[in-house]
N, C-alpha and C. Protein backbone atom coordinates (compact mmCIF):
# COMPACT_ATOMS: atom_id res chain seq x y z
N MET A 1 -21.64 -90.83 -0.25
CA MET A 1 -20.65 -91.70 0.35
C MET A 1 -19.31 -90.95 0.32
N PRO A 2 -18.63 -90.83 1.45
CA PRO A 2 -17.36 -90.11 1.48
C PRO A 2 -16.27 -90.90 0.76
N LEU A 3 -15.37 -90.17 0.11
CA LEU A 3 -14.27 -90.80 -0.60
C LEU A 3 -12.97 -90.35 0.05
N PHE A 4 -12.27 -91.29 0.63
CA PHE A 4 -11.00 -91.00 1.29
C PHE A 4 -9.86 -91.42 0.35
N ARG A 5 -8.96 -90.51 0.07
CA ARG A 5 -7.84 -90.79 -0.82
C ARG A 5 -6.76 -91.58 -0.09
N GLY A 6 -6.11 -92.48 -0.82
CA GLY A 6 -5.01 -93.24 -0.25
C GLY A 6 -5.40 -94.56 0.36
N VAL A 7 -6.70 -94.85 0.39
CA VAL A 7 -7.15 -96.12 0.98
C VAL A 7 -6.65 -97.29 0.15
N GLY A 8 -6.67 -97.15 -1.17
CA GLY A 8 -6.21 -98.21 -2.06
C GLY A 8 -4.75 -98.57 -1.83
N GLU A 9 -3.92 -97.55 -1.62
CA GLU A 9 -2.50 -97.79 -1.36
C GLU A 9 -2.30 -98.56 -0.05
N ARG A 10 -3.08 -98.19 0.96
CA ARG A 10 -2.94 -98.86 2.26
C ARG A 10 -3.46 -100.30 2.20
N ILE A 11 -4.53 -100.52 1.41
CA ILE A 11 -5.02 -101.90 1.25
C ILE A 11 -3.97 -102.73 0.52
N ALA A 12 -3.37 -102.16 -0.53
CA ALA A 12 -2.32 -102.89 -1.27
C ALA A 12 -1.12 -103.18 -0.37
N GLU A 13 -0.78 -102.22 0.48
CA GLU A 13 0.33 -102.42 1.42
C GLU A 13 0.06 -103.59 2.36
N ARG A 14 -1.17 -103.66 2.89
CA ARG A 14 -1.52 -104.75 3.79
C ARG A 14 -1.61 -106.09 3.05
N LEU A 15 -2.09 -106.06 1.79
CA LEU A 15 -2.14 -107.30 1.02
C LEU A 15 -0.73 -107.85 0.80
N GLN A 16 0.22 -106.95 0.53
CA GLN A 16 1.60 -107.38 0.34
C GLN A 16 2.17 -107.94 1.65
N ALA A 17 1.87 -107.28 2.77
CA ALA A 17 2.37 -107.75 4.05
C ALA A 17 1.81 -109.12 4.42
N LEU A 18 0.60 -109.42 3.97
CA LEU A 18 -0.03 -110.71 4.28
C LEU A 18 0.29 -111.79 3.26
N GLY A 19 1.03 -111.43 2.20
CA GLY A 19 1.44 -112.44 1.23
C GLY A 19 0.52 -112.57 0.03
N TYR A 20 -0.45 -111.71 -0.12
CA TYR A 20 -1.32 -111.73 -1.29
C TYR A 20 -0.70 -110.84 -2.36
N TRP A 21 0.40 -111.31 -2.94
CA TRP A 21 1.15 -110.50 -3.92
C TRP A 21 1.61 -111.40 -5.05
N ARG A 22 1.50 -110.90 -6.27
CA ARG A 22 1.91 -111.67 -7.44
C ARG A 22 3.36 -111.37 -7.78
N LEU A 23 3.95 -112.18 -8.66
CA LEU A 23 5.34 -112.00 -9.05
C LEU A 23 5.56 -110.75 -9.90
N ASP A 24 4.51 -110.27 -10.56
CA ASP A 24 4.65 -109.07 -11.39
C ASP A 24 4.53 -107.77 -10.59
N GLY A 25 4.47 -107.87 -9.27
CA GLY A 25 4.47 -106.67 -8.42
C GLY A 25 3.09 -106.07 -8.18
N LYS A 26 2.04 -106.85 -8.36
CA LYS A 26 0.67 -106.37 -8.14
C LYS A 26 0.00 -107.24 -7.08
N PRO A 27 -1.03 -106.70 -6.42
CA PRO A 27 -1.72 -107.51 -5.41
C PRO A 27 -2.49 -108.66 -6.05
N ASN A 28 -2.53 -109.78 -5.37
CA ASN A 28 -3.25 -110.95 -5.84
C ASN A 28 -4.69 -110.87 -5.31
N VAL A 29 -5.49 -110.09 -5.99
CA VAL A 29 -6.86 -109.83 -5.55
C VAL A 29 -7.71 -111.09 -5.65
N ARG A 30 -7.51 -111.86 -6.72
CA ARG A 30 -8.31 -113.07 -6.90
C ARG A 30 -8.15 -114.02 -5.72
N LYS A 31 -6.92 -114.27 -5.31
CA LYS A 31 -6.67 -115.19 -4.18
C LYS A 31 -7.25 -114.63 -2.88
N PHE A 32 -7.05 -113.32 -2.64
CA PHE A 32 -7.60 -112.70 -1.43
C PHE A 32 -9.12 -112.81 -1.40
N CYS A 33 -9.76 -112.55 -2.54
CA CYS A 33 -11.23 -112.61 -2.59
C CYS A 33 -11.75 -114.03 -2.41
N GLU A 34 -11.03 -115.00 -2.93
CA GLU A 34 -11.45 -116.39 -2.73
C GLU A 34 -11.30 -116.80 -1.26
N ASP A 35 -10.21 -116.39 -0.63
CA ASP A 35 -9.96 -116.77 0.75
C ASP A 35 -10.92 -116.08 1.73
N LYS A 36 -11.19 -114.81 1.50
CA LYS A 36 -11.96 -114.02 2.46
C LYS A 36 -13.39 -113.73 2.02
N ARG A 37 -13.78 -114.22 0.83
CA ARG A 37 -15.14 -114.06 0.31
C ARG A 37 -15.55 -112.61 0.10
N TYR A 38 -14.76 -111.90 -0.71
CA TYR A 38 -15.09 -110.54 -1.14
C TYR A 38 -15.41 -110.58 -2.63
N ASP A 39 -16.11 -109.55 -3.10
CA ASP A 39 -16.37 -109.39 -4.52
C ASP A 39 -15.13 -108.76 -5.16
N LYS A 40 -14.62 -109.40 -6.24
CA LYS A 40 -13.39 -108.91 -6.87
C LYS A 40 -13.55 -107.48 -7.40
N THR A 41 -14.68 -107.19 -8.00
CA THR A 41 -14.89 -105.86 -8.57
C THR A 41 -14.83 -104.79 -7.49
N THR A 42 -15.42 -105.08 -6.35
CA THR A 42 -15.43 -104.13 -5.24
C THR A 42 -14.01 -103.88 -4.74
N VAL A 43 -13.22 -104.94 -4.61
CA VAL A 43 -11.84 -104.79 -4.13
C VAL A 43 -11.01 -104.00 -5.14
N TYR A 44 -11.22 -104.25 -6.43
CA TYR A 44 -10.51 -103.47 -7.44
C TYR A 44 -10.90 -101.98 -7.38
N TYR A 45 -12.16 -101.69 -7.10
CA TYR A 45 -12.59 -100.30 -6.92
C TYR A 45 -11.88 -99.67 -5.73
N TRP A 46 -11.76 -100.42 -4.64
CA TRP A 46 -11.07 -99.91 -3.46
C TRP A 46 -9.60 -99.64 -3.76
N LEU A 47 -8.96 -100.57 -4.49
CA LEU A 47 -7.54 -100.40 -4.80
C LEU A 47 -7.29 -99.22 -5.74
N ALA A 48 -8.25 -98.93 -6.60
CA ALA A 48 -8.11 -97.81 -7.54
C ALA A 48 -8.58 -96.49 -6.94
N ASP A 49 -8.99 -96.47 -5.69
CA ASP A 49 -9.51 -95.28 -5.00
C ASP A 49 -10.75 -94.71 -5.69
N ARG A 50 -11.55 -95.58 -6.29
CA ARG A 50 -12.82 -95.14 -6.87
C ARG A 50 -13.91 -95.08 -5.82
N SER A 51 -13.78 -95.91 -4.80
CA SER A 51 -14.75 -95.89 -3.70
C SER A 51 -14.01 -96.25 -2.42
N THR A 52 -14.69 -96.00 -1.31
CA THR A 52 -14.12 -96.27 0.01
C THR A 52 -14.94 -97.38 0.66
N PRO A 53 -14.29 -98.35 1.29
CA PRO A 53 -15.03 -99.44 1.92
C PRO A 53 -15.73 -98.98 3.20
N THR A 54 -16.91 -98.42 3.07
CA THR A 54 -17.60 -97.91 4.25
C THR A 54 -18.44 -99.00 4.92
N LYS A 55 -19.18 -99.77 4.14
CA LYS A 55 -20.04 -100.80 4.74
C LYS A 55 -19.24 -101.96 5.30
N GLU A 56 -18.15 -102.32 4.63
CA GLU A 56 -17.37 -103.49 5.04
C GLU A 56 -16.04 -103.10 5.66
N LEU A 57 -15.96 -101.90 6.22
CA LEU A 57 -14.69 -101.41 6.75
C LEU A 57 -14.19 -102.25 7.92
N GLU A 58 -15.06 -102.56 8.86
CA GLU A 58 -14.65 -103.36 10.03
C GLU A 58 -14.16 -104.74 9.60
N ARG A 59 -14.91 -105.37 8.72
CA ARG A 59 -14.53 -106.72 8.25
C ARG A 59 -13.23 -106.67 7.47
N LEU A 60 -13.08 -105.68 6.59
CA LEU A 60 -11.86 -105.57 5.80
C LEU A 60 -10.65 -105.33 6.70
N ALA A 61 -10.80 -104.46 7.68
CA ALA A 61 -9.70 -104.19 8.61
C ALA A 61 -9.33 -105.45 9.38
N ARG A 62 -10.32 -106.21 9.80
CA ARG A 62 -10.05 -107.45 10.53
C ARG A 62 -9.33 -108.46 9.62
N ASP A 63 -9.77 -108.58 8.35
CA ASP A 63 -9.15 -109.53 7.43
C ASP A 63 -7.74 -109.10 7.02
N LEU A 64 -7.49 -107.79 7.01
CA LEU A 64 -6.15 -107.29 6.68
C LEU A 64 -5.27 -107.15 7.92
N LYS A 65 -5.81 -107.53 9.06
CA LYS A 65 -5.09 -107.47 10.35
C LYS A 65 -4.56 -106.07 10.66
N THR A 66 -5.47 -105.13 10.59
CA THR A 66 -5.15 -103.73 10.91
C THR A 66 -6.39 -103.08 11.51
N THR A 67 -6.33 -101.77 11.71
CA THR A 67 -7.47 -101.05 12.28
C THR A 67 -8.18 -100.25 11.19
N PRO A 68 -9.46 -99.98 11.38
CA PRO A 68 -10.17 -99.13 10.41
C PRO A 68 -9.54 -97.74 10.29
N ALA A 69 -9.00 -97.22 11.37
CA ALA A 69 -8.37 -95.89 11.32
C ALA A 69 -7.16 -95.89 10.40
N PHE A 70 -6.41 -96.99 10.39
CA PHE A 70 -5.27 -97.06 9.48
C PHE A 70 -5.73 -97.08 8.04
N LEU A 71 -6.77 -97.84 7.74
CA LEU A 71 -7.24 -97.92 6.36
C LEU A 71 -7.77 -96.58 5.87
N ILE A 72 -8.51 -95.88 6.70
CA ILE A 72 -9.13 -94.63 6.26
C ILE A 72 -8.15 -93.46 6.32
N PHE A 73 -7.45 -93.30 7.44
CA PHE A 73 -6.64 -92.10 7.65
C PHE A 73 -5.14 -92.32 7.46
N GLY A 74 -4.67 -93.55 7.53
CA GLY A 74 -3.27 -93.82 7.32
C GLY A 74 -2.43 -93.84 8.57
N HIS A 75 -3.03 -93.77 9.73
CA HIS A 75 -2.28 -93.86 10.98
C HIS A 75 -3.10 -94.66 11.98
N GLU A 76 -2.40 -95.26 12.91
CA GLU A 76 -3.07 -96.07 13.93
C GLU A 76 -3.75 -95.15 14.92
N GLU A 77 -4.85 -95.61 15.48
CA GLU A 77 -5.55 -94.85 16.51
C GLU A 77 -4.75 -94.91 17.80
N ALA A 78 -4.62 -93.77 18.42
CA ALA A 78 -3.98 -93.76 19.74
C ALA A 78 -5.01 -94.26 20.74
N GLU A 79 -4.67 -95.33 21.44
CA GLU A 79 -5.65 -95.92 22.35
C GLU A 79 -5.80 -95.14 23.64
N THR A 80 -4.78 -94.40 24.01
CA THR A 80 -4.86 -93.67 25.26
C THR A 80 -4.75 -92.17 25.01
N THR A 81 -5.54 -91.68 24.06
CA THR A 81 -5.51 -90.25 23.80
C THR A 81 -6.28 -89.53 24.89
N PRO A 82 -5.67 -88.56 25.55
CA PRO A 82 -6.40 -87.83 26.58
C PRO A 82 -7.41 -86.90 25.93
N SER A 83 -8.57 -86.81 26.52
CA SER A 83 -9.58 -85.92 25.96
C SER A 83 -9.23 -84.48 26.35
N ARG A 84 -9.44 -83.60 25.43
CA ARG A 84 -9.10 -82.20 25.68
C ARG A 84 -10.10 -81.54 26.62
N ARG A 85 -11.33 -81.92 26.48
CA ARG A 85 -12.38 -81.30 27.28
C ARG A 85 -12.67 -82.18 28.48
N ARG A 86 -12.40 -81.64 29.62
CA ARG A 86 -12.67 -82.38 30.85
C ARG A 86 -14.06 -82.02 31.34
N ARG A 87 -14.80 -83.01 31.74
CA ARG A 87 -16.14 -82.75 32.26
C ARG A 87 -16.05 -82.45 33.74
N LYS A 88 -16.92 -81.58 34.16
CA LYS A 88 -16.99 -81.27 35.58
C LYS A 88 -17.64 -82.46 36.29
N PRO A 89 -17.21 -82.74 37.51
CA PRO A 89 -17.88 -83.82 38.24
C PRO A 89 -19.31 -83.40 38.56
N ARG A 90 -20.19 -84.35 38.50
CA ARG A 90 -21.60 -84.04 38.76
C ARG A 90 -21.80 -83.77 40.24
N ARG A 91 -22.51 -82.69 40.52
CA ARG A 91 -22.84 -82.36 41.90
C ARG A 91 -24.15 -83.02 42.26
N PRO A 92 -24.32 -83.41 43.50
CA PRO A 92 -25.61 -83.98 43.89
C PRO A 92 -26.69 -82.92 43.82
N VAL A 93 -27.84 -83.31 43.36
CA VAL A 93 -28.97 -82.39 43.24
C VAL A 93 -29.61 -82.27 44.62
N PRO A 94 -29.82 -81.04 45.10
CA PRO A 94 -30.46 -80.90 46.41
C PRO A 94 -31.91 -81.39 46.36
N ILE A 95 -32.32 -82.00 47.44
CA ILE A 95 -33.67 -82.54 47.52
C ILE A 95 -34.62 -81.40 47.87
N ALA A 96 -35.71 -81.32 47.09
CA ALA A 96 -36.71 -80.28 47.37
C ALA A 96 -37.43 -80.62 48.66
N GLY A 97 -37.71 -79.63 49.45
CA GLY A 97 -38.48 -79.86 50.66
C GLY A 97 -37.71 -79.53 51.92
N GLY A 98 -36.52 -79.04 51.81
CA GLY A 98 -35.80 -78.58 53.00
C GLY A 98 -35.04 -79.69 53.70
N SER A 99 -35.18 -79.74 55.01
CA SER A 99 -34.36 -80.65 55.81
C SER A 99 -34.84 -82.09 55.65
N ALA A 100 -33.99 -82.99 56.03
CA ALA A 100 -34.31 -84.41 55.93
C ALA A 100 -35.29 -84.84 57.01
N GLN A 101 -35.50 -83.99 58.05
CA GLN A 101 -36.39 -84.37 59.14
C GLN A 101 -37.83 -83.94 58.90
N ALA A 102 -38.08 -83.22 57.82
CA ALA A 102 -39.45 -82.76 57.54
C ALA A 102 -40.32 -83.95 57.19
N GLU A 103 -41.61 -83.80 57.45
CA GLU A 103 -42.54 -84.88 57.15
C GLU A 103 -42.67 -85.03 55.64
N PRO A 104 -42.67 -86.26 55.15
CA PRO A 104 -42.82 -86.45 53.71
C PRO A 104 -44.24 -86.13 53.27
N ARG A 105 -44.33 -85.49 52.12
CA ARG A 105 -45.65 -85.16 51.57
C ARG A 105 -46.07 -86.29 50.65
N PRO A 106 -47.36 -86.45 50.48
CA PRO A 106 -47.80 -87.49 49.56
C PRO A 106 -47.35 -87.14 48.13
N ALA A 107 -47.00 -88.17 47.37
CA ALA A 107 -46.53 -87.96 46.00
C ALA A 107 -47.64 -87.32 45.18
N GLY A 108 -47.28 -86.36 44.37
CA GLY A 108 -48.24 -85.70 43.50
C GLY A 108 -48.97 -84.55 44.14
N SER A 109 -48.57 -84.15 45.35
CA SER A 109 -49.24 -83.01 45.96
C SER A 109 -48.83 -81.74 45.22
N GLU A 110 -49.65 -80.71 45.31
CA GLU A 110 -49.44 -79.49 44.53
C GLU A 110 -48.11 -78.80 44.83
N PRO A 111 -47.69 -78.65 46.09
CA PRO A 111 -46.40 -78.00 46.30
C PRO A 111 -45.24 -78.78 45.67
N ASP A 112 -45.35 -80.11 45.62
CA ASP A 112 -44.30 -80.90 44.98
C ASP A 112 -44.24 -80.59 43.48
N LYS A 113 -45.41 -80.40 42.86
CA LYS A 113 -45.42 -80.06 41.44
C LYS A 113 -44.74 -78.73 41.19
N VAL A 114 -44.99 -77.76 42.07
CA VAL A 114 -44.37 -76.45 41.92
C VAL A 114 -42.86 -76.59 42.03
N ARG A 115 -42.40 -77.35 42.99
CA ARG A 115 -40.95 -77.53 43.16
C ARG A 115 -40.34 -78.24 41.95
N LEU A 116 -41.06 -79.23 41.43
CA LEU A 116 -40.53 -79.94 40.26
C LEU A 116 -40.41 -79.02 39.07
N ILE A 117 -41.42 -78.19 38.84
CA ILE A 117 -41.36 -77.27 37.70
C ILE A 117 -40.21 -76.29 37.89
N GLY A 118 -40.09 -75.74 39.07
CA GLY A 118 -39.03 -74.76 39.33
C GLY A 118 -37.65 -75.38 39.25
N SER A 119 -37.48 -76.56 39.84
CA SER A 119 -36.16 -77.18 39.81
C SER A 119 -35.78 -77.60 38.40
N TYR A 120 -36.74 -78.06 37.61
CA TYR A 120 -36.45 -78.43 36.23
C TYR A 120 -36.04 -77.21 35.43
N ALA A 121 -36.74 -76.10 35.64
CA ALA A 121 -36.41 -74.88 34.90
C ALA A 121 -35.03 -74.38 35.29
N ARG A 122 -34.66 -74.47 36.56
CA ARG A 122 -33.34 -74.00 36.98
C ARG A 122 -32.23 -74.92 36.47
N ARG A 123 -32.45 -76.22 36.55
CA ARG A 123 -31.41 -77.16 36.14
C ARG A 123 -31.19 -77.15 34.63
N ARG A 124 -32.25 -77.05 33.87
CA ARG A 124 -32.16 -77.15 32.42
C ARG A 124 -32.11 -75.79 31.74
N HIS A 125 -32.14 -74.73 32.48
CA HIS A 125 -32.14 -73.37 31.94
C HIS A 125 -33.27 -73.18 30.94
N VAL A 126 -34.44 -73.68 31.31
CA VAL A 126 -35.61 -73.58 30.45
C VAL A 126 -36.33 -72.29 30.77
N ARG A 127 -36.74 -71.61 29.74
CA ARG A 127 -37.51 -70.39 29.95
C ARG A 127 -38.93 -70.78 30.33
N VAL A 128 -39.40 -70.24 31.40
CA VAL A 128 -40.75 -70.54 31.87
C VAL A 128 -41.71 -69.65 31.09
N THR A 129 -42.67 -70.26 30.42
CA THR A 129 -43.62 -69.49 29.63
C THR A 129 -44.65 -68.86 30.54
N ALA A 130 -45.43 -67.97 29.98
CA ALA A 130 -46.46 -67.27 30.76
C ALA A 130 -47.50 -68.26 31.27
N ALA A 131 -47.85 -69.25 30.46
CA ALA A 131 -48.84 -70.24 30.89
C ALA A 131 -48.30 -71.05 32.06
N ALA A 132 -47.06 -71.44 31.98
CA ALA A 132 -46.47 -72.21 33.08
C ALA A 132 -46.32 -71.35 34.32
N ALA A 133 -46.00 -70.08 34.14
CA ALA A 133 -45.89 -69.18 35.29
C ALA A 133 -47.24 -69.00 35.96
N GLY A 134 -48.30 -68.89 35.17
CA GLY A 134 -49.64 -68.78 35.73
C GLY A 134 -50.04 -70.04 36.48
N PHE A 135 -49.71 -71.18 35.93
CA PHE A 135 -49.97 -72.46 36.59
C PHE A 135 -49.23 -72.51 37.92
N ARG A 136 -48.01 -72.03 37.90
CA ARG A 136 -47.21 -72.04 39.12
C ARG A 136 -47.80 -71.13 40.18
N ARG A 137 -48.27 -69.94 39.77
CA ARG A 137 -48.89 -69.02 40.74
C ARG A 137 -50.15 -69.62 41.33
N ARG A 138 -50.97 -70.26 40.49
CA ARG A 138 -52.20 -70.86 40.99
C ARG A 138 -51.91 -71.98 41.99
N LEU A 139 -50.89 -72.80 41.69
CA LEU A 139 -50.56 -73.86 42.62
C LEU A 139 -50.01 -73.32 43.92
N THR A 140 -49.20 -72.28 43.84
CA THR A 140 -48.64 -71.68 45.04
C THR A 140 -49.75 -71.06 45.88
N ALA A 141 -50.72 -70.42 45.23
CA ALA A 141 -51.83 -69.81 45.96
C ALA A 141 -52.68 -70.86 46.66
N ARG A 142 -52.92 -71.99 46.02
CA ARG A 142 -53.71 -73.06 46.62
C ARG A 142 -52.99 -73.68 47.81
N ALA A 143 -51.69 -73.82 47.71
CA ALA A 143 -50.92 -74.45 48.76
C ALA A 143 -50.85 -73.58 50.02
N ALA A 144 -50.93 -72.27 49.82
CA ALA A 144 -50.81 -71.36 50.96
C ALA A 144 -52.07 -71.20 51.72
């Protein structure tokens, strides 16, 4: 289980902001746990930075009226962060069989299988094994 430092301080900060604070300057864990139904021991572990709230992070963030990113990392998530890596737009895949006016072949015919194997290998950069190459030659020979 990962241990993130400073989570306890941020939880205490949010408890103070929400009014769960005692007169002696400490968080009122008992009241918070009664109101939100948490285990007191677990919350004390979180406040002491002995463990990190991984299983209940979403719920804790919601109850503390903050984001999980703030609790774990100490800063708010940027909602409109631009991605550094831009994806190329997808190009349409050419249809095997040439022109659109050619007669359609029945599905599963041997030349269609050859085209499928070849187009898959080209698109996925798959190395064609010797067995597959032999299969391809046999299909091509039968079709001719």
